[in-house]
C-alpha cells in the first residue's frame, strides 16, 4: 500500500516560526515588532522590498538641484506672521533642463507674488497687508571641476519698469498683492558658461516694504528677501539620463 507524505508538515513549520516570532515580540517589546515580522516574511519566502534609487542631477557628478529635476520650483519666505512672499522659477528654453549645457543659451522665467494667509484670497485690498517690491536682483556663482568660481550671470531691475504702466505702484515700489498680480519676468537668459561648469547657483535678492497692519500707512517696514536656486549644468554633447523630461 502507498503512503503519501503528510501535507500538513510545512504549514506546521510555518506555524512554529510564527509562534516563535510572536513570543520574541512579546519578550523584546514593541520596538522589535517590525524586525520580527520582516524575518517571518523572509522565512516564508516573501520578496524583500527594494530601495528606490535617488536620481542624480547630472550624469557626471551630483549637483543637487530640485529645479533641474522638476523643471520648476517654488521658493517661499515668510516676511511677517502668515504673510508669504513666493518666488516661482521655471525653465523656459530649453524646457528640458537636461539640455542645459555650458555653451547653450539657457532661458528661465520667474514670478514674485505675495499671499496674506490671515484673510481670504478674494478679500479686498484694504483687508490685506500690502507688500511692495522695490528692487529685484539676481547674481550667480559657478561650480567648476577646476575649482574656480565665477559670476557670469547678473540681473537687476526696478520692478516697476518690467510691468505695464497701469499696475498699482508707489514710491515703495510695485504692489505685489493687487488684483493685477505680482511681478512676472517671462524670460531671462543665462548665456555661455565656462566649459567645465557642472552647476550654477542663482541668488535672488528681493527688497520689499511690508505692511504691519492692514490699511495702515504708518506700519510699513523694509527688508530684503534672499533665495538661492541651484541649477545643474550638463557637459556639452552628453546624454541626458538624470530624470523625467520637464512638462511642456
C-alpha atoms as a PDB file:
ATOM      1  CA  UNK A   1       0.000   0.000   0.000  1.00  0.00           C
ATOM      2  CA  UNK A   2       1.348   3.502  -0.962  1.00  0.00           C
ATOM      3  CA  UNK A   3       1.688   6.011   1.856  1.00  0.00           C
ATOM      4  CA  UNK A   4       1.787   9.681   0.864  1.00  0.00           C
ATOM      5  CA  UNK A   5       3.731  12.233   2.878  1.00  0.00           C
ATOM      6  CA  UNK A   6       1.620  14.271   5.301  1.00  0.00           C
ATOM      7  CA  UNK A   7       0.545  17.512   3.708  1.00  0.00           C
ATOM      8  CA  UNK A   8       0.493  19.443   6.975  1.00  0.00           C
ATOM      9  CA  UNK A   9       4.268  19.246   7.598  1.00  0.00           C
ATOM     10  CA  UNK A  10       5.232  22.591   6.007  1.00  0.00           C
ATOM     11  CA  UNK A  11       2.301  24.601   7.481  1.00  0.00           C
ATOM     12  CA  UNK A  12       3.256  23.216  10.924  1.00  0.00           C
ATOM     13  CA  UNK A  13       6.793  24.533  10.471  1.00  0.00           C
ATOM     14  CA  UNK A  14       5.448  27.938   9.485  1.00  0.00           C
ATOM     15  CA  UNK A  15       3.163  27.888  12.496  1.00  0.00           C
ATOM     16  CA  UNK A  16       6.107  27.153  14.758  1.00  0.00           C
ATOM     17  CA  UNK A  17       8.016  30.063  13.213  1.00  0.00           C
ATOM     18  CA  UNK A  18       5.029  32.360  13.668  1.00  0.00           C
ATOM     19  CA  UNK A  19       4.586  31.371  17.311  1.00  0.00           C
ATOM     20  CA  UNK A  20       8.285  31.793  17.973  1.00  0.00           C
ATOM     21  CA  UNK A  21       8.170  35.228  16.314  1.00  0.00           C
ATOM     22  CA  UNK A  22       5.190  36.231  18.440  1.00  0.00           C
ATOM     23  CA  UNK A  23       6.981  35.140  21.633  1.00  0.00           C
ATOM     24  CA  UNK A  24      10.061  37.080  20.584  1.00  0.00           C
ATOM     25  CA  UNK A  25       7.964  40.209  20.060  1.00  0.00           C
ATOM     26  CA  UNK A  26       6.367  39.851  23.466  1.00  0.00           C
ATOM     27  CA  UNK A  27       9.747  39.434  25.150  1.00  0.00           C
ATOM     28  CA  UNK A  28      11.657  42.213  23.375  1.00  0.00           C
ATOM     29  CA  UNK A  29       8.931  44.883  23.293  1.00  0.00           C
ATOM     30  CA  UNK A  30       7.212  46.963  20.621  1.00  0.00           C
ATOM     31  CA  UNK A  31      10.467  48.265  19.206  1.00  0.00           C
ATOM     32  CA  UNK A  32      11.148  44.838  17.665  1.00  0.00           C
ATOM     33  CA  UNK A  33       7.735  44.305  16.009  1.00  0.00           C
ATOM     34  CA  UNK A  34       8.829  45.369  12.530  1.00  0.00           C
ATOM     35  CA  UNK A  35      12.040  43.276  12.624  1.00  0.00           C
ATOM     36  CA  UNK A  36      10.255  40.139  13.798  1.00  0.00           C
ATOM     37  CA  UNK A  37       7.548  40.487  11.157  1.00  0.00           C
ATOM     38  CA  UNK A  38      10.112  41.025   8.366  1.00  0.00           C
ATOM     39  CA  UNK A  39      12.093  37.944   9.473  1.00  0.00           C
ATOM     40  CA  UNK A  40       8.929  35.860   9.408  1.00  0.00           C
ATOM     41  CA  UNK A  41       8.055  37.067   5.904  1.00  0.00           C
ATOM     42  CA  UNK A  42      11.518  36.223   4.571  1.00  0.00           C
ATOM     43  CA  UNK A  43      11.437  32.742   6.128  1.00  0.00           C
ATOM     44  CA  UNK A  44       8.107  32.139   4.370  1.00  0.00           C
ATOM     45  CA  UNK A  45       9.547  33.145   1.001  1.00  0.00           C
ATOM     46  CA  UNK A  46       8.087  36.674   0.760  1.00  0.00           C
ATOM     47  CA  UNK A  47      10.116  39.014  -1.521  1.00  0.00           C
ATOM     48  CA  UNK A  48      12.029  41.819   0.176  1.00  0.00           C
ATOM     49  CA  UNK A  49      11.254  45.422  -0.830  1.00  0.00           C
ATOM     50  CA  UNK A  50      13.968  47.064  -2.942  1.00  0.00           C
ATOM     51  CA  UNK A  51      15.157  50.584  -2.153  1.00  0.00           C
ATOM     52  CA  UNK A  52      14.303  53.214  -4.771  1.00  0.00           C
ATOM     53  CA  UNK A  53      17.479  54.930  -6.032  1.00  0.00           C
ATOM     54  CA  UNK A  54      17.623  58.722  -5.804  1.00  0.00           C
ATOM     55  CA  UNK A  55      18.183  60.275  -9.249  1.00  0.00           C
ATOM     56  CA  UNK A  56      21.272  62.402  -9.698  1.00  0.00           C
ATOM     57  CA  UNK A  57      21.079  65.878 -11.160  1.00  0.00           C
ATOM     58  CA  UNK A  58      23.990  65.319 -13.521  1.00  0.00           C
ATOM     59  CA  UNK A  59      25.354  62.290 -15.391  1.00  0.00           C
ATOM     60  CA  UNK A  60      28.925  63.263 -14.479  1.00  0.00           C
ATOM     61  CA  UNK A  61      28.559  64.330 -10.847  1.00  0.00           C
ATOM     62  CA  UNK A  62      25.917  65.095  -8.259  1.00  0.00           C
ATOM     63  CA  UNK A  63      24.833  68.759  -8.171  1.00  0.00           C
ATOM     64  CA  UNK A  64      21.729  68.871  -6.007  1.00  0.00           C
ATOM     65  CA  UNK A  65      19.028  70.771  -7.922  1.00  0.00           C
ATOM     66  CA  UNK A  66      15.300  70.296  -7.492  1.00  0.00           C
ATOM     67  CA  UNK A  67      14.806  72.878 -10.246  1.00  0.00           C
ATOM     68  CA  UNK A  68      16.754  70.691 -12.692  1.00  0.00           C
ATOM     69  CA  UNK A  69      14.860  67.532 -11.770  1.00  0.00           C
ATOM     70  CA  UNK A  70      11.347  69.070 -11.847  1.00  0.00           C
ATOM     71  CA  UNK A  71      11.823  71.867 -14.380  1.00  0.00           C
ATOM     72  CA  UNK A  72      10.373  74.411 -11.945  1.00  0.00           C
ATOM     73  CA  UNK A  73      10.489  75.299  -8.274  1.00  0.00           C
ATOM     74  CA  UNK A  74       8.537  77.415  -5.774  1.00  0.00           C
ATOM     75  CA  UNK A  75      10.531  79.182  -3.053  1.00  0.00           C
ATOM     76  CA  UNK A  76       8.665  80.730  -0.135  1.00  0.00           C
ATOM     77  CA  UNK A  77       9.694  83.237   2.536  1.00  0.00           C
ATOM     78  CA  UNK A  78       7.583  84.411   5.483  1.00  0.00           C
ATOM     79  CA  UNK A  79       8.088  88.173   5.820  1.00  0.00           C
ATOM     80  CA  UNK A  80       5.586  88.519   8.681  1.00  0.00           C
ATOM     81  CA  UNK A  81       3.258  86.213  10.590  1.00  0.00           C
ATOM     82  CA  UNK A  82       1.277  84.261   7.934  1.00  0.00           C
ATOM     83  CA  UNK A  83       2.449  86.670   5.244  1.00  0.00           C
ATOM     84  CA  UNK A  84       4.350  84.859   2.471  1.00  0.00           C
ATOM     85  CA  UNK A  85       6.430  86.140  -0.431  1.00  0.00           C
ATOM     86  CA  UNK A  86       6.645  83.445  -3.082  1.00  0.00           C
ATOM     87  CA  UNK A  87       9.214  83.150  -5.868  1.00  0.00           C
ATOM     88  CA  UNK A  88       8.329  80.769  -8.724  1.00  0.00           C
ATOM     89  CA  UNK A  89      11.054  79.883 -11.248  1.00  0.00           C
ATOM     90  CA  UNK A  90      10.711  77.654 -14.323  1.00  0.00           C
ATOM     91  CA  UNK A  91      12.748  76.510 -17.322  1.00  0.00           C
ATOM     92  CA  UNK A  92      11.632  78.369 -20.457  1.00  0.00           C
ATOM     93  CA  UNK A  93      14.068  77.359 -23.225  1.00  0.00           C
ATOM     94  CA  UNK A  94      15.128  74.608 -23.407  1.00  0.00           C
ATOM     95  CA  UNK A  95      12.281  73.331 -21.248  1.00  0.00           C
ATOM     96  CA  UNK A  96      14.179  70.066 -20.861  1.00  0.00           C
ATOM     97  CA  UNK A  97      16.700  71.010 -18.182  1.00  0.00           C
ATOM     98  CA  UNK A  98      18.876  68.032 -19.163  1.00  0.00           C
ATOM     99  CA  UNK A  99      19.741  70.129 -22.250  1.00  0.00           C
ATOM    100  CA  UNK A 100      21.220  72.977 -20.184  1.00  0.00           C
ATOM    101  CA  UNK A 101      24.917  72.940 -21.114  1.00  0.00           C
ATOM    102  CA  UNK A 102      27.763  75.481 -20.762  1.00  0.00           C
ATOM    103  CA  UNK A 103      27.667  76.720 -24.369  1.00  0.00           C
ATOM    104  CA  UNK A 104      23.913  76.708 -24.936  1.00  0.00           C
ATOM    105  CA  UNK A 105      21.716  79.705 -24.056  1.00  0.00           C
ATOM    106  CA  UNK A 106      19.580  78.797 -21.037  1.00  0.00           C
ATOM    107  CA  UNK A 107      16.370  80.787 -20.571  1.00  0.00           C
ATOM    108  CA  UNK A 108      14.299  80.811 -17.398  1.00  0.00           C
ATOM    109  CA  UNK A 109      11.263  82.738 -16.222  1.00  0.00           C
ATOM    110  CA  UNK A 110      10.255  83.820 -12.747  1.00  0.00           C
ATOM    111  CA  UNK A 111       7.406  85.464 -10.871  1.00  0.00           C
ATOM    112  CA  UNK A 112       7.098  87.116  -7.458  1.00  0.00           C
ATOM    113  CA  UNK A 113       3.790  87.140  -5.583  1.00  0.00           C
ATOM    114  CA  UNK A 114       2.550  87.571  -2.033  1.00  0.00           C
ATOM    115  CA  UNK A 115      -0.119  85.742  -0.008  1.00  0.00           C
ATOM    116  CA  UNK A 116      -1.686  87.017   3.216  1.00  0.00           C
ATOM    117  CA  UNK A 117      -2.965  83.850   4.876  1.00  0.00           C
ATOM    118  CA  UNK A 118      -4.833  85.770   7.579  1.00  0.00           C
ATOM    119  CA  UNK A 119      -7.584  86.685   5.117  1.00  0.00           C
ATOM    120  CA  UNK A 120      -9.363  85.030   2.216  1.00  0.00           C
ATOM    121  CA  UNK A 121      -7.571  85.225  -1.116  1.00  0.00           C
ATOM    122  CA  UNK A 122     -10.543  87.119  -2.592  1.00  0.00           C
ATOM    123  CA  UNK A 123     -10.635  89.697   0.223  1.00  0.00           C
ATOM    124  CA  UNK A 124     -10.484  93.373  -0.745  1.00  0.00           C
ATOM    125  CA  UNK A 125      -7.086  95.028  -0.691  1.00  0.00           C
ATOM    126  CA  UNK A 126      -7.845  97.118   2.412  1.00  0.00           C
ATOM    127  CA  UNK A 127      -8.198  93.862   4.389  1.00  0.00           C
ATOM    128  CA  UNK A 128      -4.781  92.584   3.284  1.00  0.00           C
ATOM    129  CA  UNK A 129      -1.320  93.556   4.479  1.00  0.00           C
ATOM    130  CA  UNK A 130       0.272  95.166   1.450  1.00  0.00           C
ATOM    131  CA  UNK A 131       3.742  94.251   0.193  1.00  0.00           C
ATOM    132  CA  UNK A 132       5.623  96.431  -2.274  1.00  0.00           C
ATOM    133  CA  UNK A 133       8.613  95.172  -4.264  1.00  0.00           C
ATOM    134  CA  UNK A 134      11.122  97.986  -4.753  1.00  0.00           C
ATOM    135  CA  UNK A 135      14.016  96.106  -6.375  1.00  0.00           C
ATOM    136  CA  UNK A 136      14.928  92.665  -7.689  1.00  0.00           C
ATOM    137  CA  UNK A 137      18.403  91.402  -8.475  1.00  0.00           C
ATOM    138  CA  UNK A 138      19.936  88.058  -9.370  1.00  0.00           C
ATOM    139  CA  UNK A 139      23.614  87.158  -9.079  1.00  0.00           C
ATOM    140  CA  UNK A 140      25.330  83.840  -9.788  1.00  0.00           C
ATOM    141  CA  UNK A 141      28.153  81.586  -8.696  1.00  0.00           C
ATOM    142  CA  UNK A 142      29.516  78.707 -10.757  1.00  0.00           C
ATOM    143  CA  UNK A 143      30.635  75.267  -9.616  1.00  0.00           C
ATOM    144  CA  UNK A 144      33.516  74.089 -11.832  1.00  0.00           C
ATOM    145  CA  UNK A 145      35.661  70.963 -11.930  1.00  0.00           C
ATOM    146  CA  UNK A 146      38.740  73.207 -11.931  1.00  0.00           C
ATOM    147  CA  UNK A 147      37.731  74.649  -8.564  1.00  0.00           C
ATOM    148  CA  UNK A 148      37.365  78.150  -9.983  1.00  0.00           C
ATOM    149  CA  UNK A 149      34.311  80.251  -9.103  1.00  0.00           C
ATOM    150  CA  UNK A 150      32.876  82.876 -11.445  1.00  0.00           C
ATOM    151  CA  UNK A 151      29.779  85.112 -11.603  1.00  0.00           C
ATOM    152  CA  UNK A 152      28.798  85.061 -15.294  1.00  0.00           C
ATOM    153  CA  UNK A 153      25.104  85.960 -14.884  1.00  0.00           C
ATOM    154  CA  UNK A 154      23.629  89.110 -13.337  1.00  0.00           C
ATOM    155  CA  UNK A 155      20.172  90.662 -13.432  1.00  0.00           C
ATOM    156  CA  UNK A 156      18.970  93.842 -11.720  1.00  0.00           C
ATOM    157  CA  UNK A 157      15.891  95.983 -12.239  1.00  0.00           C
ATOM    158  CA  UNK A 158      13.287  98.238 -10.728  1.00  0.00           C
ATOM    159  CA  UNK A 159      10.183  96.014 -10.980  1.00  0.00           C
ATOM    160  CA  UNK A 160       8.069  98.998 -11.968  1.00  0.00           C
ATOM    161  CA  UNK A 161       9.961  99.110 -15.290  1.00  0.00           C
ATOM    162  CA  UNK A 162       9.124  95.466 -16.061  1.00  0.00           C
ATOM    163  CA  UNK A 163       5.307  95.686 -15.946  1.00  0.00           C
ATOM    164  CA  UNK A 164       2.618  97.775 -17.684  1.00  0.00           C
ATOM    165  CA  UNK A 165       2.340 101.370 -16.513  1.00  0.00           C
ATOM    166  CA  UNK A 166      -1.216 100.887 -15.211  1.00  0.00           C
ATOM    167  CA  UNK A 167      -0.140  98.475 -12.456  1.00  0.00           C
ATOM    168  CA  UNK A 168      -0.517  99.637  -8.861  1.00  0.00           C
ATOM    169  CA  UNK A 169       2.669 101.199  -7.543  1.00  0.00           C
ATOM    170  CA  UNK A 170       4.008 103.869  -5.181  1.00  0.00           C
ATOM    171  CA  UNK A 171       7.310 105.321  -4.013  1.00  0.00           C
ATOM    172  CA  UNK A 172       7.828 101.996  -2.224  1.00  0.00           C
ATOM    173  CA  UNK A 173       7.731 100.039  -5.482  1.00  0.00           C
ATOM    174  CA  UNK A 174       5.374  97.646  -7.266  1.00  0.00           C
ATOM    175  CA  UNK A 175       2.379  96.405  -5.266  1.00  0.00           C
ATOM    176  CA  UNK A 176       2.508  92.599  -5.267  1.00  0.00           C
ATOM    177  CA  UNK A 177      -0.856  91.647  -3.755  1.00  0.00           C
ATOM    178  CA  UNK A 178      -3.168  93.538  -6.101  1.00  0.00           C
ATOM    179  CA  UNK A 179      -5.822  92.081  -8.400  1.00  0.00           C
ATOM    180  CA  UNK A 180      -3.345  92.587 -11.272  1.00  0.00           C
ATOM    181  CA  UNK A 181      -0.960  90.079  -9.733  1.00  0.00           C
ATOM    182  CA  UNK A 182       2.686  90.427  -8.803  1.00  0.00           C
ATOM    183  CA  UNK A 183       5.851  90.635 -10.872  1.00  0.00           C
ATOM    184  CA  UNK A 184       6.268  88.422 -13.939  1.00  0.00           C
ATOM    185  CA  UNK A 185       9.563  88.126 -15.821  1.00  0.00           C
ATOM    186  CA  UNK A 186       8.761  85.581 -18.563  1.00  0.00           C
ATOM    187  CA  UNK A 187      12.297  85.302 -19.940  1.00  0.00           C
ATOM    188  CA  UNK A 188      15.848  85.996 -18.831  1.00  0.00           C
ATOM    189  CA  UNK A 189      18.811  84.181 -20.321  1.00  0.00           C
ATOM    190  CA  UNK A 190      21.980  82.664 -18.883  1.00  0.00           C
ATOM    191  CA  UNK A 191      24.473  82.711 -21.737  1.00  0.00           C
ATOM    192  CA  UNK A 192      27.753  80.851 -22.156  1.00  0.00           C
ATOM    193  CA  UNK A 193      29.411  79.452 -19.049  1.00  0.00           C
ATOM    194  CA  UNK A 194      32.968  78.164 -18.526  1.00  0.00           C
ATOM    195  CA  UNK A 195      33.338  74.792 -20.255  1.00  0.00           C
ATOM    196  CA  UNK A 196      33.952  72.857 -17.008  1.00  0.00           C
ATOM    197  CA  UNK A 197      30.841  74.199 -15.254  1.00  0.00           C
ATOM    198  CA  UNK A 198      28.674  71.466 -13.739  1.00  0.00           C
ATOM    199  CA  UNK A 199      26.391  73.717 -11.707  1.00  0.00           C
ATOM    200  CA  UNK A 200      25.409  77.312 -11.110  1.00  0.00           C
ATOM    201  CA  UNK A 201      23.678  78.809  -8.078  1.00  0.00           C
ATOM    202  CA  UNK A 202      21.474  81.866  -8.572  1.00  0.00           C
ATOM    203  CA  UNK A 203      20.950  84.241  -5.649  1.00  0.00           C
ATOM    204  CA  UNK A 204      17.704  86.235  -5.771  1.00  0.00           C
ATOM    205  CA  UNK A 205      17.579  89.398  -3.657  1.00  0.00           C
ATOM    206  CA  UNK A 206      14.122  90.991  -3.318  1.00  0.00           C
ATOM    207  CA  UNK A 207      13.799  94.290  -1.448  1.00  0.00           C
ATOM    208  CA  UNK A 208      10.264  94.637  -0.099  1.00  0.00           C
ATOM    209  CA  UNK A 209       8.214  97.018   2.002  1.00  0.00           C
ATOM    210  CA  UNK A 210       5.872  95.062   4.292  1.00  0.00           C
ATOM    211  CA  UNK A 211       2.754  96.495   5.926  1.00  0.00           C
ATOM    212  CA  UNK A 212       2.492  95.505   9.601  1.00  0.00           C
ATOM    213  CA  UNK A 213      -1.270  96.054   9.874  1.00  0.00           C
ATOM    214  CA  UNK A 214      -3.800  96.061   7.054  1.00  0.00           C
ATOM    215  CA  UNK A 215      -4.643  99.521   5.712  1.00  0.00           C
ATOM    216  CA  UNK A 216      -2.117 101.242   7.973  1.00  0.00           C
ATOM    217  CA  UNK A 217       0.269 103.540   6.071  1.00  0.00           C
ATOM    218  CA  UNK A 218       2.406 104.068   9.169  1.00  0.00           C
ATOM    219  CA  UNK A 219       3.163 100.374   9.745  1.00  0.00           C
ATOM    220  CA  UNK A 220       5.476  99.662   6.774  1.00  0.00           C
ATOM    221  CA  UNK A 221       8.990  98.319   7.266  1.00  0.00           C
ATOM    222  CA  UNK A 222      11.652  97.396   4.746  1.00  0.00           C
ATOM    223  CA  UNK A 223      13.527  94.088   4.438  1.00  0.00           C
ATOM    224  CA  UNK A 224      15.442  92.082   1.853  1.00  0.00           C
ATOM    225  CA  UNK A 225      14.434  88.520   0.981  1.00  0.00           C
ATOM    226  CA  UNK A 226      17.183  86.167  -0.241  1.00  0.00           C
ATOM    227  CA  UNK A 227      16.516  82.916  -2.078  1.00  0.00           C
ATOM    228  CA  UNK A 228      19.073  80.522  -3.586  1.00  0.00           C
ATOM    229  CA  UNK A 229      18.456  78.403  -6.682  1.00  0.00           C
ATOM    230  CA  UNK A 230      20.951  75.636  -7.600  1.00  0.00           C
ATOM    231  CA  UNK A 231      20.882  74.646 -11.296  1.00  0.00           C
ATOM    232  CA  UNK A 232      22.726  71.615 -12.704  1.00  0.00           C
ATOM    233  CA  UNK A 233      24.710  72.098 -15.917  1.00  0.00           C
ATOM    234  CA  UNK A 234      25.397  69.163 -18.235  1.00  0.00           C
ATOM    235  CA  UNK A 235      28.528  68.593 -20.345  1.00  0.00           C
ATOM    236  CA  UNK A 236      28.117  69.563 -23.997  1.00  0.00           C
ATOM    237  CA  UNK A 237      27.120  66.539 -26.075  1.00  0.00           C
ATOM    238  CA  UNK A 238      26.305  64.351 -23.044  1.00  0.00           C
ATOM    239  CA  UNK A 239      23.293  62.044 -22.935  1.00  0.00           C
ATOM    240  CA  UNK A 240      20.571  63.196 -20.560  1.00  0.00           C
ATOM    241  CA  UNK A 241      19.870  60.500 -18.008  1.00  0.00           C
ATOM    242  CA  UNK A 242      19.060  62.427 -14.844  1.00  0.00           C
ATOM    243  CA  UNK A 243      15.292  62.144 -14.687  1.00  0.00           C
ATOM    244  CA  UNK A 244      11.978  62.587 -16.484  1.00  0.00           C
ATOM    245  CA  UNK A 245      11.584  65.323 -19.100  1.00  0.00           C
ATOM    246  CA  UNK A 246      10.056  68.545 -17.841  1.00  0.00           C
ATOM    247  CA  UNK A 247       6.467  69.344 -18.695  1.00  0.00           C
ATOM    248  CA  UNK A 248       5.908  71.438 -21.820  1.00  0.00           C
END
